[in-house]
Amino acid sequence: MKIPKRLQPLVDDGLIDEVYYQLMSGKEAQVFVVSANNQVRCAKVYKEAHKRSFKQAAQYQEGRTVRNSRRARAMAKGTKFGQKEAEEAWLNAEVEALYRLAQAGVRVPEPYWFLEGVLVMELVVDEEGDPAPRLDDVAFDADTARDYHGRMMQEIVRMLCAGLVHGDLSEFNVLIDHSGPVVIDLPQAVNAAGNNNAKMMLLRDVNNMTQYFGQYAPDLLVTHFGEEIWDLFEHGNLHPAVKLTGQFAQSNVDADIATMMRIIEHAKLEEEDRKERERMARNGEF
C-alpha cells in the first residue's frame, strides 16, 4: 500500500520496515499493521488536535502532573507554547499508561516506542494469528458472558489499583485474543486520585461493560460492581486479588448529587458518541 505521510519519515529512517495495511481508523488515531525489526507490529498514528473528534479532553487531563513548572504555567494560560505542550502531554499519556498498566498486570498491548506522534506496539492477535476482533464483534453464551464480564471487572480493579481509570471503556476498545480480553485505547486514562471526574468515569466504564455483557446474561444488569469497586478504593481496601460480589447495599450507595448530575450530563454525549462509533463500524472506518 501507499505509505501514509506520517509514517514515511519512520520508514526512511529504518524504524519501520514496511507498512502492510490500515487496520482501523477511529476518532483520535489510525492504526496500521507494519513490520518493525522484522516483527509484525501495529503503528498507531495519532490525528492532529484539530482533526480529533474526542470530546471534552480537558476533563480527562485534570490531575495529570507536569514536571516542568514553566510548561505547567503555559498550559494553564493556553499560550501557543502551552497548547503545544498540552498536545504532547496528551499524546504521551497513552504510552505512560500502557507501561504502568502492563507492570500492574493489566492485559494491554506491549508498547515498543513512541516517536513523532506514532506509537508502535504489539499487534494483538487471535488463535489463528490474525488481528484480534473487538469485543463488539464477538457473540457469547450466558456463561461465557459472565466469565468475560468478571475478567473485565478484574482488569478495571487492576487499573484502579495502579491509580488509573480508563475513562472511555466500551465494547469498542476491548480486543479478544486467544486468552481473553485485552484493553486498548488509553490516551484519555485519568488519575484516579487527582481527577474529580474519576468516580463518574469508573462507574460509566463498569456500566458500559455490564450493559454489553448483560445482553447475553441479563442477571448481570442488576449488579453493582462499580459502586463496590469505588467504595473499596475510597476506603483503602482495594487490591488486585480482591473478590468482588457485585452487591452493594442501596443504603450505602454514595448519594453525591454532583456525581450523579455529572453522570446524567455525560450520558447524552456518551450515547451520541456510541452511535457515531456504530456508524463508523458499519462503514468499516474502525
C-alpha atoms as a PDB file:
ATOM      1  CA  MET A   1       0.000   0.000   0.000  1.00  0.00           C
ATOM      2  CA  LYS A   2       0.986   3.631  -0.335  1.00  0.00           C
ATOM      3  CA  ILE A   3       2.918   4.659   2.759  1.00  0.00           C
ATOM      4  CA  PRO A   4       0.962   7.223   4.816  1.00  0.00           C
ATOM      5  CA  LYS A   5       2.604  10.634   5.066  1.00  0.00           C
ATOM      6  CA  ARG A   6       3.054  10.414   8.847  1.00  0.00           C
ATOM      7  CA  LEU A   7       4.815   7.044   8.566  1.00  0.00           C
ATOM      8  CA  GLN A   8       7.119   7.873   5.667  1.00  0.00           C
ATOM      9  CA  PRO A   9       9.877   9.512   7.810  1.00  0.00           C
ATOM     10  CA  LEU A  10       9.947   6.441  10.067  1.00  0.00           C
ATOM     11  CA  VAL A  11      10.280   4.172   7.039  1.00  0.00           C
ATOM     12  CA  ASP A  12      13.043   6.403   5.662  1.00  0.00           C
ATOM     13  CA  ASP A  13      14.896   6.162   8.982  1.00  0.00           C
ATOM     14  CA  GLY A  14      14.563   2.378   9.101  1.00  0.00           C
ATOM     15  CA  LEU A  15      12.381   2.344  12.236  1.00  0.00           C
ATOM     16  CA  ILE A  16       9.568   0.755  10.251  1.00  0.00           C
ATOM     17  CA  ASP A  17      10.451  -1.822   7.594  1.00  0.00           C
ATOM     18  CA  GLU A  18       7.151  -1.997   5.743  1.00  0.00           C
ATOM     19  CA  VAL A  19       3.535  -0.830   6.025  1.00  0.00           C
ATOM     20  CA  TYR A  20       1.125  -3.661   5.218  1.00  0.00           C
ATOM     21  CA  TYR A  21      -2.384  -2.217   5.569  1.00  0.00           C
ATOM     22  CA  GLN A  22      -4.643   0.009   7.658  1.00  0.00           C
ATOM     23  CA  LEU A  23      -6.277  -1.931  10.463  1.00  0.00           C
ATOM     24  CA  MET A  24      -8.725   0.688  11.691  1.00  0.00           C
ATOM     25  CA  SER A  25      -9.489   4.387  11.848  1.00  0.00           C
ATOM     26  CA  GLY A  26     -11.012   5.921  14.938  1.00  0.00           C
ATOM     27  CA  LYS A  27     -11.898   9.272  16.425  1.00  0.00           C
ATOM     28  CA  GLU A  28      -8.359  10.037  17.537  1.00  0.00           C
ATOM     29  CA  ALA A  29      -5.991   7.852  15.521  1.00  0.00           C
ATOM     30  CA  GLN A  30      -5.411   5.494  12.620  1.00  0.00           C
ATOM     31  CA  VAL A  31      -3.847   2.085  13.205  1.00  0.00           C
ATOM     32  CA  PHE A  32      -1.682   0.306  10.627  1.00  0.00           C
ATOM     33  CA  VAL A  33      -0.186  -3.172  10.574  1.00  0.00           C
ATOM     34  CA  VAL A  34       3.544  -2.780   9.968  1.00  0.00           C
ATOM     35  CA  SER A  35       6.842  -4.604  10.132  1.00  0.00           C
ATOM     36  CA  ALA A  36       9.429  -3.251  12.582  1.00  0.00           C
ATOM     37  CA  ASN A  37      12.671  -5.046  13.388  1.00  0.00           C
ATOM     38  CA  ASN A  38      11.369  -7.887  11.200  1.00  0.00           C
ATOM     39  CA  GLN A  39       8.410  -8.363  13.539  1.00  0.00           C
ATOM     40  CA  VAL A  40       4.744  -7.704  12.776  1.00  0.00           C
ATOM     41  CA  ARG A  41       3.554  -4.803  14.926  1.00  0.00           C
ATOM     42  CA  CYS A  42       0.858  -2.166  14.838  1.00  0.00           C
ATOM     43  CA  ALA A  43       1.528   1.541  14.457  1.00  0.00           C
ATOM     44  CA  LYS A  44      -0.968   3.946  15.980  1.00  0.00           C
ATOM     45  CA  VAL A  45      -0.820   7.297  14.209  1.00  0.00           C
ATOM     46  CA  TYR A  46      -2.470   9.998  16.301  1.00  0.00           C
ATOM     47  CA  LYS A  47      -4.504  12.594  14.498  1.00  0.00           C
ATOM     48  CA  GLU A  48      -3.640  16.243  14.937  1.00  0.00           C
ATOM     49  CA  ALA A  49      -5.615  18.001  17.678  1.00  0.00           C
ATOM     50  CA  HIS A  50      -7.922  19.900  15.321  1.00  0.00           C
ATOM     51  CA  LYS A  51      -8.780  16.672  13.475  1.00  0.00           C
ATOM     52  CA  ARG A  52      -9.654  14.599  16.528  1.00  0.00           C
ATOM     53  CA  SER A  53     -13.304  14.219  17.460  1.00  0.00           C
ATOM     54  CA  PHE A  54     -12.692  13.083  21.045  1.00  0.00           C
ATOM     55  CA  LYS A  55     -14.890  15.235  23.266  1.00  0.00           C
ATOM     56  CA  GLN A  56     -14.119  17.101  26.487  1.00  0.00           C
ATOM     57  CA  ALA A  57     -10.373  16.479  26.588  1.00  0.00           C
ATOM     58  CA  ALA A  58      -9.996  18.944  29.479  1.00  0.00           C
ATOM     59  CA  GLN A  59     -11.877  16.770  31.950  1.00  0.00           C
ATOM     60  CA  TYR A  60      -9.537  13.872  31.208  1.00  0.00           C
ATOM     61  CA  GLN A  61      -6.394  15.962  31.675  1.00  0.00           C
ATOM     62  CA  GLU A  62      -7.314  17.122  35.168  1.00  0.00           C
ATOM     63  CA  GLY A  63      -4.913  15.695  37.708  1.00  0.00           C
ATOM     64  CA  ARG A  64      -2.149  14.854  35.252  1.00  0.00           C
ATOM     65  CA  THR A  65       1.198  16.025  36.564  1.00  0.00           C
ATOM     66  CA  VAL A  66       3.552  18.245  34.570  1.00  0.00           C
ATOM     67  CA  ARG A  67       7.136  18.050  35.812  1.00  0.00           C
ATOM     68  CA  ASN A  68       8.270  21.384  34.390  1.00  0.00           C
ATOM     69  CA  SER A  69       6.660  24.407  36.106  1.00  0.00           C
ATOM     70  CA  ARG A  70       7.144  26.634  33.046  1.00  0.00           C
ATOM     71  CA  ARG A  71       5.265  24.135  30.913  1.00  0.00           C
ATOM     72  CA  ALA A  72       2.513  23.880  33.515  1.00  0.00           C
ATOM     73  CA  ARG A  73       2.040  27.660  33.592  1.00  0.00           C
ATOM     74  CA  ALA A  74       1.991  27.873  29.803  1.00  0.00           C
ATOM     75  CA  MET A  75      -0.555  25.066  29.576  1.00  0.00           C
ATOM     76  CA  ALA A  76      -2.746  26.759  32.172  1.00  0.00           C
ATOM     77  CA  LYS A  77      -2.618  30.075  30.294  1.00  0.00           C
ATOM     78  CA  GLY A  78      -3.341  28.433  26.955  1.00  0.00           C
ATOM     79  CA  THR A  79      -0.455  30.114  25.165  1.00  0.00           C
ATOM     80  CA  LYS A  80       0.734  28.786  21.813  1.00  0.00           C
ATOM     81  CA  PHE A  81       3.644  27.099  23.570  1.00  0.00           C
ATOM     82  CA  GLY A  82       1.251  25.823  26.228  1.00  0.00           C
ATOM     83  CA  GLN A  83      -1.084  24.350  23.638  1.00  0.00           C
ATOM     84  CA  LYS A  84       1.850  22.576  22.004  1.00  0.00           C
ATOM     85  CA  GLU A  85       2.937  21.197  25.384  1.00  0.00           C
ATOM     86  CA  ALA A  86      -0.609  20.125  26.232  1.00  0.00           C
ATOM     87  CA  GLU A  87      -0.824  18.271  22.934  1.00  0.00           C
ATOM     88  CA  GLU A  88       2.478  16.496  23.613  1.00  0.00           C
ATOM     89  CA  ALA A  89       1.321  15.572  27.114  1.00  0.00           C
ATOM     90  CA  TRP A  90      -1.929  14.178  25.694  1.00  0.00           C
ATOM     91  CA  LEU A  91      -0.060  12.034  23.183  1.00  0.00           C
ATOM     92  CA  ASN A  92       2.403  10.759  25.792  1.00  0.00           C
ATOM     93  CA  ALA A  93      -0.428   9.787  28.132  1.00  0.00           C
ATOM     94  CA  GLU A  94      -1.229   6.502  26.406  1.00  0.00           C
ATOM     95  CA  VAL A  95       2.406   5.404  26.352  1.00  0.00           C
ATOM     96  CA  GLU A  96       2.799   6.137  30.059  1.00  0.00           C
ATOM     97  CA  ALA A  97      -0.493   4.398  30.855  1.00  0.00           C
ATOM     98  CA  LEU A  98       0.459   1.307  28.849  1.00  0.00           C
ATOM     99  CA  TYR A  99       3.758   0.899  30.676  1.00  0.00           C
ATOM    100  CA  ARG A 100       2.173   1.476  34.077  1.00  0.00           C
ATOM    101  CA  LEU A 101      -0.729  -0.899  33.477  1.00  0.00           C
ATOM    102  CA  ALA A 102       1.432  -3.626  31.952  1.00  0.00           C
ATOM    103  CA  GLN A 103       3.614  -3.514  35.053  1.00  0.00           C
ATOM    104  CA  ALA A 104       0.472  -3.801  37.192  1.00  0.00           C
ATOM    105  CA  GLY A 105      -0.613  -6.950  35.366  1.00  0.00           C
ATOM    106  CA  VAL A 106      -3.376  -5.405  33.268  1.00  0.00           C
ATOM    107  CA  ARG A 107      -3.808  -7.066  29.877  1.00  0.00           C
ATOM    108  CA  VAL A 108      -2.790  -4.313  27.458  1.00  0.00           C
ATOM    109  CA  PRO A 109      -0.716  -4.339  24.252  1.00  0.00           C
ATOM    110  CA  GLU A 110       3.018  -4.121  24.886  1.00  0.00           C
ATOM    111  CA  PRO A 111       4.375  -0.712  23.794  1.00  0.00           C
ATOM    112  CA  TYR A 112       7.736  -0.617  21.986  1.00  0.00           C
ATOM    113  CA  TRP A 113       8.427   3.014  21.160  1.00  0.00           C
ATOM    114  CA  PHE A 114       6.752   6.362  20.548  1.00  0.00           C
ATOM    115  CA  LEU A 115       8.075   8.995  18.153  1.00  0.00           C
ATOM    116  CA  GLU A 116       6.598  11.956  16.273  1.00  0.00           C
ATOM    117  CA  GLY A 117       3.026  11.100  17.175  1.00  0.00           C
ATOM    118  CA  VAL A 118       3.367   7.418  16.224  1.00  0.00           C
ATOM    119  CA  LEU A 119       3.112   4.641  18.804  1.00  0.00           C
ATOM    120  CA  VAL A 120       4.472   1.242  17.745  1.00  0.00           C
ATOM    121  CA  MET A 121       3.200  -1.589  19.905  1.00  0.00           C
ATOM    122  CA  GLU A 122       2.262  -5.242  19.987  1.00  0.00           C
ATOM    123  CA  LEU A 123      -0.262  -6.451  17.436  1.00  0.00           C
ATOM    124  CA  VAL A 124      -2.876  -8.363  19.443  1.00  0.00           C
ATOM    125  CA  VAL A 125      -3.867 -11.494  17.508  1.00  0.00           C
ATOM    126  CA  ASP A 126      -6.382 -14.321  17.745  1.00  0.00           C
ATOM    127  CA  GLU A 127      -5.742 -18.063  17.762  1.00  0.00           C
ATOM    128  CA  GLU A 128      -5.082 -18.063  14.000  1.00  0.00           C
ATOM    129  CA  GLY A 129      -2.586 -15.221  14.239  1.00  0.00           C
ATOM    130  CA  ASP A 130      -4.929 -12.688  12.646  1.00  0.00           C
ATOM    131  CA  PRO A 131      -5.636  -9.288  14.247  1.00  0.00           C
ATOM    132  CA  ALA A 132      -7.848  -9.908  17.249  1.00  0.00           C
ATOM    133  CA  PRO A 133     -11.515  -8.899  16.940  1.00  0.00           C
ATOM    134  CA  ARG A 134     -13.093  -6.223  19.057  1.00  0.00           C
ATOM    135  CA  LEU A 135     -15.442  -7.289  21.825  1.00  0.00           C
ATOM    136  CA  ASP A 136     -18.289  -5.828  19.762  1.00  0.00           C
ATOM    137  CA  ASP A 137     -17.585  -8.375  17.022  1.00  0.00           C
ATOM    138  CA  VAL A 138     -17.850 -11.440  19.273  1.00  0.00           C
ATOM    139  CA  ALA A 139     -21.030 -13.215  20.414  1.00  0.00           C
ATOM    140  CA  PHE A 140     -21.241 -15.056  23.746  1.00  0.00           C
ATOM    141  CA  ASP A 141     -23.378 -17.586  25.525  1.00  0.00           C
ATOM    142  CA  ALA A 142     -24.553 -16.621  29.005  1.00  0.00           C
ATOM    143  CA  ASP A 143     -21.833 -18.467  30.925  1.00  0.00           C
ATOM    144  CA  THR A 144     -19.014 -17.061  28.793  1.00  0.00           C
ATOM    145  CA  ALA A 145     -20.512 -13.565  29.069  1.00  0.00           C
ATOM    146  CA  ARG A 146     -20.459 -13.824  32.872  1.00  0.00           C
ATOM    147  CA  ASP A 147     -16.879 -15.122  32.754  1.00  0.00           C
ATOM    148  CA  TYR A 148     -15.664 -12.317  30.498  1.00  0.00           C
ATOM    149  CA  HIS A 149     -17.579  -9.709  32.480  1.00  0.00           C
ATOM    150  CA  GLY A 150     -15.835 -10.955  35.615  1.00  0.00           C
ATOM    151  CA  ARG A 151     -12.473 -10.730  33.857  1.00  0.00           C
ATOM    152  CA  MET A 152     -13.178  -7.155  32.808  1.00  0.00           C
ATOM    153  CA  MET A 153     -14.142  -6.218  36.364  1.00  0.00           C
ATOM    154  CA  GLN A 154     -10.764  -7.561  37.492  1.00  0.00           C
ATOM    155  CA  GLU A 155      -8.977  -5.571  34.773  1.00  0.00           C
ATOM    156  CA  ILE A 156     -10.790  -2.436  35.982  1.00  0.00           C
ATOM    157  CA  VAL A 157      -9.711  -3.242  39.539  1.00  0.00           C
ATOM    158  CA  ARG A 158      -6.077  -3.697  38.471  1.00  0.00           C
ATOM    159  CA  MET A 159      -6.200  -0.395  36.604  1.00  0.00           C
ATOM    160  CA  LEU A 160      -7.601   1.382  39.648  1.00  0.00           C
ATOM    161  CA  CYS A 161      -5.005  -0.222  41.916  1.00  0.00           C
ATOM    162  CA  ALA A 162      -2.411   1.243  39.530  1.00  0.00           C
ATOM    163  CA  GLY A 163      -4.031   4.645  40.032  1.00  0.00           C
ATOM    164  CA  LEU A 164      -5.838   4.908  36.698  1.00  0.00           C
ATOM    165  CA  VAL A 165      -9.376   4.851  35.353  1.00  0.00           C
ATOM    166  CA  HIS A 166      -9.725   4.037  31.647  1.00  0.00           C
ATOM    167  CA  GLY A 167     -12.349   6.730  31.144  1.00  0.00           C
ATOM    168  CA  ASP A 168     -13.695   5.536  27.796  1.00  0.00           C
ATOM    169  CA  LEU A 169     -14.095   1.795  28.232  1.00  0.00           C
ATOM    170  CA  SER A 170     -16.610   0.096  25.962  1.00  0.00           C
ATOM    171  CA  GLU A 171     -17.010  -2.893  23.666  1.00  0.00           C
ATOM    172  CA  PHE A 172     -15.188  -0.894  21.000  1.00  0.00           C
ATOM    173  CA  ASN A 173     -11.859  -0.690  22.834  1.00  0.00           C
ATOM    174  CA  VAL A 174     -11.519  -4.203  24.177  1.00  0.00           C
ATOM    175  CA  LEU A 175      -9.927  -6.859  21.948  1.00  0.00           C
ATOM    176  CA  ILE A 176     -10.402 -10.610  22.350  1.00  0.00           C
ATOM    177  CA  ASP A 177      -7.262 -12.678  21.807  1.00  0.00           C
ATOM    178  CA  HIS A 178      -6.739 -16.402  22.399  1.00  0.00           C
ATOM    179  CA  SER A 179      -6.622 -15.858  26.181  1.00  0.00           C
ATOM    180  CA  GLY A 180      -9.422 -13.346  26.656  1.00  0.00           C
ATOM    181  CA  PRO A 181      -9.943  -9.568  26.853  1.00  0.00           C
ATOM    182  CA  VAL A 182      -7.172  -7.052  26.123  1.00  0.00           C
ATOM    183  CA  VAL A 183      -7.757  -3.383  26.973  1.00  0.00           C
ATOM    184  CA  ILE A 184      -6.774  -0.806  24.334  1.00  0.00           C
ATOM    185  CA  ASP A 185      -7.081   2.958  23.644  1.00  0.00           C
ATOM    186  CA  LEU A 186      -5.776   4.695  26.741  1.00  0.00           C
ATOM    187  CA  PRO A 187      -4.831   8.320  25.925  1.00  0.00           C
ATOM    188  CA  GLN A 188      -7.789   9.528  27.988  1.00  0.00           C
ATOM    189  CA  ALA A 189      -6.926   7.459  31.100  1.00  0.00           C
ATOM    190  CA  VAL A 190      -7.372   9.616  34.204  1.00  0.00           C
ATOM    191  CA  ASN A 191      -5.614   9.887  37.540  1.00  0.00           C
ATOM    192  CA  ALA A 192      -7.989   8.194  39.975  1.00  0.00           C
ATOM    193  CA  ALA A 193      -6.888  10.238  42.980  1.00  0.00           C
ATOM    194  CA  GLY A 194      -6.409  13.585  41.223  1.00  0.00           C
ATOM    195  CA  ASN A 195      -9.371  13.876  38.890  1.00  0.00           C
ATOM    196  CA  ASN A 196     -12.760  14.988  40.213  1.00  0.00           C
ATOM    197  CA  ASN A 197     -14.460  13.040  37.412  1.00  0.00           C
ATOM    198  CA  ALA A 198     -12.732   9.746  38.205  1.00  0.00           C
ATOM    199  CA  LYS A 199     -15.632   8.186  40.084  1.00  0.00           C
ATOM    200  CA  MET A 200     -18.139   9.119  37.405  1.00  0.00           C
ATOM    201  CA  MET A 201     -15.856   7.715  34.705  1.00  0.00           C
ATOM    202  CA  LEU A 202     -15.254   4.461  36.569  1.00  0.00           C
ATOM    203  CA  LEU A 203     -18.986   3.956  37.101  1.00  0.00           C
ATOM    204  CA  ARG A 204     -19.533   4.643  33.407  1.00  0.00           C
ATOM    205  CA  ASP A 205     -16.777   2.197  32.393  1.00  0.00           C
ATOM    206  CA  VAL A 206     -18.295  -0.533  34.558  1.00  0.00           C
ATOM    207  CA  ASN A 207     -21.797   0.249  33.331  1.00  0.00           C
ATOM    208  CA  ASN A 208     -20.689   0.019  29.697  1.00  0.00           C
ATOM    209  CA  MET A 209     -19.202  -3.423  30.281  1.00  0.00           C
ATOM    210  CA  THR A 210     -22.219  -4.584  32.280  1.00  0.00           C
ATOM    211  CA  GLN A 211     -24.712  -3.360  29.679  1.00  0.00           C
ATOM    212  CA  TYR A 212     -22.770  -5.087  26.909  1.00  0.00           C
ATOM    213  CA  PHE A 213     -22.412  -8.471  28.591  1.00  0.00           C
ATOM    214  CA  GLY A 214     -25.877  -8.108  30.108  1.00  0.00           C
ATOM    215  CA  GLN A 215     -27.445  -8.595  26.689  1.00  0.00           C
ATOM    216  CA  TYR A 216     -26.198 -12.202  26.895  1.00  0.00           C
ATOM    217  CA  ALA A 217     -26.579 -12.688  30.660  1.00  0.00           C
ATOM    218  CA  PRO A 218     -29.397 -10.394  31.922  1.00  0.00           C
ATOM    219  CA  ASP A 219     -28.676 -11.219  35.567  1.00  0.00           C
ATOM    220  CA  LEU A 220     -25.579  -9.007  35.273  1.00  0.00           C
ATOM    221  CA  LEU A 221     -27.798  -5.961  34.790  1.00  0.00           C
ATOM    222  CA  VAL A 222     -28.796  -5.884  38.465  1.00  0.00           C
ATOM    223  CA  THR A 223     -25.226  -5.966  39.792  1.00  0.00           C
ATOM    224  CA  HIS A 224     -23.415  -3.019  41.420  1.00  0.00           C
ATOM    225  CA  PHE A 225     -19.749  -3.703  40.700  1.00  0.00           C
ATOM    226  CA  GLY A 226     -18.918  -0.064  40.029  1.00  0.00           C
ATOM    227  CA  GLU A 227     -20.169   1.160  43.401  1.00  0.00           C
ATOM    228  CA  GLU A 228     -18.500  -1.787  45.140  1.00  0.00           C
ATOM    229  CA  ILE A 229     -15.138  -1.178  43.454  1.00  0.00           C
ATOM    230  CA  TRP A 230     -15.129   2.553  44.167  1.00  0.00           C
ATOM    231  CA  ASP A 231     -16.168   2.061  47.802  1.00  0.00           C
ATOM    232  CA  LEU A 232     -13.301  -0.388  48.327  1.00  0.00           C
ATOM    233  CA  PHE A 233     -10.927   2.102  46.666  1.00  0.00           C
ATOM    234  CA  GLU A 234     -12.099   5.053  48.763  1.00  0.00           C
ATOM    235  CA  HIS A 235     -11.669   3.104  51.985  1.00  0.00           C
ATOM    236  CA  GLY A 236      -8.236   1.735  51.084  1.00  0.00           C
ATOM    237  CA  ASN A 237      -9.455  -1.844  50.803  1.00  0.00           C
ATOM    238  CA  LEU A 238      -8.983  -2.388  47.074  1.00  0.00           C
ATOM    239  CA  HIS A 239      -6.230  -4.761  45.924  1.00  0.00           C
ATOM    240  CA  PRO A 240      -5.680  -6.729  42.692  1.00  0.00           C
ATOM    241  CA  ALA A 241      -6.814 -10.052  44.180  1.00  0.00           C
ATOM    242  CA  VAL A 242      -9.980  -8.692  45.805  1.00  0.00           C
ATOM    243  CA  LYS A 243     -13.039 -10.935  45.498  1.00  0.00           C
ATOM    244  CA  LEU A 244     -15.927  -8.888  44.140  1.00  0.00           C
ATOM    245  CA  THR A 245     -19.555  -9.754  44.785  1.00  0.00           C
ATOM    246  CA  GLY A 246     -21.374  -7.256  42.584  1.00  0.00           C
ATOM    247  CA  GLN A 247     -23.570  -6.466  45.569  1.00  0.00           C
ATOM    248  CA  PHE A 248     -23.767  -3.119  47.294  1.00  0.00           C
ATOM    249  CA  ALA A 249     -26.399  -2.150  49.841  1.00  0.00           C
ATOM    250  CA  GLN A 250     -28.533   0.660  48.460  1.00  0.00           C
ATOM    251  CA  SER A 251     -28.419   2.422  51.819  1.00  0.00           C
ATOM    252  CA  ASN A 252     -24.661   2.664  51.463  1.00  0.00           C
ATOM    253  CA  VAL A 253     -24.650   3.983  47.899  1.00  0.00           C
ATOM    254  CA  ASP A 254     -22.985   7.374  47.787  1.00  0.00           C
ATOM    255  CA  ALA A 255     -25.769   9.857  47.068  1.00  0.00           C
ATOM    256  CA  ASP A 256     -23.342  12.531  45.935  1.00  0.00           C
ATOM    257  CA  ILE A 257     -25.630  14.784  43.889  1.00  0.00           C
ATOM    258  CA  ALA A 258     -22.751  16.402  41.996  1.00  0.00           C
ATOM    259  CA  THR A 259     -21.511  12.998  40.864  1.00  0.00           C
ATOM    260  CA  MET A 260     -24.973  11.911  39.782  1.00  0.00           C
ATOM    261  CA  MET A 261     -25.503  15.135  37.863  1.00  0.00           C
ATOM    262  CA  ARG A 262     -22.204  14.634  36.043  1.00  0.00           C
ATOM    263  CA  ILE A 263     -23.260  11.109  35.106  1.00  0.00           C
ATOM    264  CA  ILE A 264     -26.567  12.402  33.745  1.00  0.00           C
ATOM    265  CA  GLU A 265     -24.842  15.271  31.963  1.00  0.00           C
ATOM    266  CA  HIS A 266     -22.439  12.954  30.168  1.00  0.00           C
ATOM    267  CA  ALA A 267     -24.980  10.218  29.409  1.00  0.00           C
ATOM    268  CA  LYS A 268     -26.373  12.027  26.375  1.00  0.00           C
ATOM    269  CA  LEU A 269     -22.891  12.753  24.996  1.00  0.00           C
ATOM    270  CA  GLU A 270     -21.878   9.142  25.573  1.00  0.00           C
ATOM    271  CA  GLU A 271     -24.927   7.941  23.632  1.00  0.00           C
ATOM    272  CA  GLU A 272     -24.125  10.278  20.744  1.00  0.00           C
ATOM    273  CA  ASP A 273     -20.535   9.018  20.750  1.00  0.00           C
ATOM    274  CA  ARG A 274     -21.721   5.398  20.800  1.00  0.00           C
ATOM    275  CA  LYS A 275     -23.986   5.985  17.796  1.00  0.00           C
ATOM    276  CA  GLU A 276     -21.087   7.582  15.915  1.00  0.00           C
ATOM    277  CA  ARG A 277     -18.902   4.539  16.655  1.00  0.00           C
ATOM    278  CA  GLU A 278     -21.618   2.207  15.436  1.00  0.00           C
ATOM    279  CA  ARG A 279     -21.896   4.241  12.238  1.00  0.00           C
ATOM    280  CA  MET A 280     -18.130   4.091  11.731  1.00  0.00           C
ATOM    281  CA  ALA A 281     -18.117   0.354  12.416  1.00  0.00           C
ATOM    282  CA  ARG A 282     -20.842  -0.229   9.834  1.00  0.00           C
ATOM    283  CA  ASN A 283     -18.879   1.801   7.294  1.00  0.00           C
ATOM    284  CA  GLY A 284     -15.641  -0.034   8.042  1.00  0.00           C
ATOM    285  CA  GLU A 285     -13.987   3.096   9.429  1.00  0.00           C
ATOM    286  CA  PHE A 286     -12.816   1.424  12.676  1.00  0.00           C
END
